[in-house]
Amino acid sequence: MSADTSQDRISLHPHTHRVRVWHGDTLLADSTRAVELREQGYPPRQYLPESDVQMAQLLRSTTVTHCPFKGDATYYRTDDHPDVAWQYAEPLADMAAIAGRLAFDDSVVTVQVDAG
């Protein structure tokens, strides 16, 4: 049996659908340059360019995690929610398309993807 690789578990799907991320009434992100990451066992996640995120609304968290398929992630928080977003600044080679992009925890914020 071969070892599981990121290609077996994860697929990346760039698209131009408008993606907006809301924290209550505050717009945290607005992008038409998302990459949807689909990973077995997890809901699809929209990775948005940092330039499309209102970084002034986020604070760096102390949380750091490691994924054997994506690499090391750093996290961001809001004043009232820890770890609302994460980012792979230098992901593993297979995941280069998500480098520097942020994904959001849709159990805390509203991630709206417009139909295309």
Protein backbone atom coordinates (compact mmCIF):
# COMPACT_ATOMS: atom_id res chain seq x y z
CA MET A 1 0.00 0.00 0.00
CA SER A 2 1.45 3.37 -0.98
CA ALA A 3 1.67 6.41 1.26
CA ASP A 4 -1.14 8.95 0.97
CA THR A 5 -0.03 12.08 -0.88
CA SER A 6 -1.53 15.52 -1.19
CA GLN A 7 -2.59 14.73 -4.77
CA ASP A 8 -4.66 11.81 -3.43
CA ARG A 9 -6.34 13.87 -0.71
CA ILE A 10 -6.46 17.47 -1.91
CA SER A 11 -7.47 19.23 -5.10
CA LEU A 12 -7.21 22.94 -5.89
CA HIS A 13 -9.78 24.77 -8.00
CA PRO A 14 -9.09 28.42 -8.90
CA HIS A 15 -12.25 30.30 -9.85
CA THR A 16 -13.61 33.80 -10.43
CA HIS A 17 -16.83 33.59 -8.39
CA ARG A 18 -17.13 36.48 -5.97
CA VAL A 19 -16.30 35.39 -2.42
CA ARG A 20 -17.13 37.63 0.52
CA VAL A 21 -16.37 36.95 4.16
CA TRP A 22 -18.44 38.65 6.85
CA HIS A 23 -17.89 38.80 10.60
CA GLY A 24 -21.26 40.09 11.73
CA ASP A 25 -21.74 43.34 9.78
CA THR A 26 -18.01 43.72 9.07
CA LEU A 27 -16.75 42.75 5.62
CA LEU A 28 -13.42 40.95 6.16
CA ALA A 29 -12.73 39.93 2.55
CA ASP A 30 -14.03 40.44 -0.98
CA SER A 31 -12.37 38.57 -3.83
CA THR A 32 -12.89 37.23 -7.33
CA ARG A 33 -9.52 35.44 -7.20
CA ALA A 34 -10.19 32.56 -4.82
CA VAL A 35 -8.73 29.08 -4.91
CA GLU A 36 -11.12 26.46 -3.58
CA LEU A 37 -9.30 23.70 -1.73
CA ARG A 38 -11.13 20.39 -1.50
CA GLU A 39 -9.71 17.92 1.00
CA GLN A 40 -11.10 14.49 1.81
CA GLY A 41 -13.01 14.58 5.09
CA TYR A 42 -13.29 18.38 5.23
CA PRO A 43 -15.65 20.96 3.76
CA PRO A 44 -14.35 22.95 0.76
CA ARG A 45 -12.39 26.05 1.80
CA GLN A 46 -11.93 29.29 -0.12
CA TYR A 47 -8.33 30.58 -0.01
CA LEU A 48 -8.27 34.31 -0.73
CA PRO A 49 -5.32 36.53 -1.65
CA GLU A 50 -4.12 38.56 1.33
CA SER A 51 -4.57 41.70 -0.78
CA ASP A 52 -8.34 40.99 -0.86
CA VAL A 53 -8.58 40.65 2.93
CA GLN A 54 -9.05 43.53 5.36
CA MET A 55 -5.93 42.59 7.35
CA ALA A 56 -6.43 45.58 9.68
CA GLN A 57 -9.50 43.73 11.03
CA LEU A 58 -7.43 40.67 11.99
CA LEU A 59 -4.80 40.15 14.66
CA ARG A 60 -2.05 37.53 14.53
CA SER A 61 -2.84 34.61 16.84
CA THR A 62 -0.25 32.56 18.70
CA THR A 63 -1.62 29.36 17.15
CA VAL A 64 0.54 27.47 14.66
CA THR A 65 -0.39 24.07 13.24
CA HIS A 66 1.25 21.59 10.89
CA CYS A 67 -0.51 19.65 8.15
CA PRO A 68 1.53 16.86 6.52
CA PHE A 69 -0.14 17.67 3.18
CA LYS A 70 -0.06 21.49 3.22
CA GLY A 71 2.69 22.55 5.65
CA ASP A 72 2.74 24.99 8.58
CA ALA A 73 -0.21 27.34 9.12
CA THR A 74 -0.34 30.54 11.13
CA TYR A 75 -3.63 31.87 12.45
CA TYR A 76 -5.46 35.16 12.82
CA ARG A 77 -8.11 36.23 15.31
CA THR A 78 -10.62 39.00 15.81
CA ASP A 79 -11.18 40.78 19.11
CA ASP A 80 -13.87 38.30 20.07
CA HIS A 81 -12.95 35.06 18.22
CA PRO A 82 -9.67 33.13 18.28
CA ASP A 83 -8.31 31.51 15.14
CA VAL A 84 -10.93 32.77 12.69
CA ALA A 85 -8.55 32.51 9.70
CA TRP A 86 -5.35 30.73 8.75
CA GLN A 87 -2.60 31.08 6.20
CA TYR A 88 0.15 28.90 4.76
CA ALA A 89 2.91 31.43 4.08
CA GLU A 90 5.23 28.75 2.66
CA PRO A 91 3.16 25.65 1.92
CA LEU A 92 4.59 22.40 0.63
CA ALA A 93 5.46 22.43 -3.09
CA ASP A 94 2.23 20.70 -4.22
CA MET A 95 0.20 23.44 -2.49
CA ALA A 96 2.09 26.47 -3.84
CA ALA A 97 -1.18 27.92 -5.21
CA ILE A 98 -2.38 28.71 -1.66
CA ALA A 99 0.83 30.46 -0.55
CA GLY A 100 0.03 33.69 1.26
CA ARG A 101 -3.73 33.20 0.92
CA LEU A 102 -6.15 33.12 3.85
CA ALA A 103 -8.97 30.70 4.56
CA PHE A 104 -11.70 31.40 7.11
CA ASP A 105 -13.51 29.27 9.68
CA ASP A 106 -17.07 29.29 8.35
CA SER A 107 -18.41 28.16 11.72
CA VAL A 108 -17.45 31.62 13.05
CA VAL A 109 -17.78 33.91 10.02
CA THR A 110 -20.06 33.90 6.97
CA VAL A 111 -18.32 32.84 3.77
CA GLN A 112 -20.53 33.74 0.81
CA VAL A 113 -19.63 32.33 -2.62
CA ASP A 114 -21.74 33.80 -5.43
CA ALA A 115 -23.01 31.43 -8.09
CA GLY A 116 -21.28 31.76 -11.41
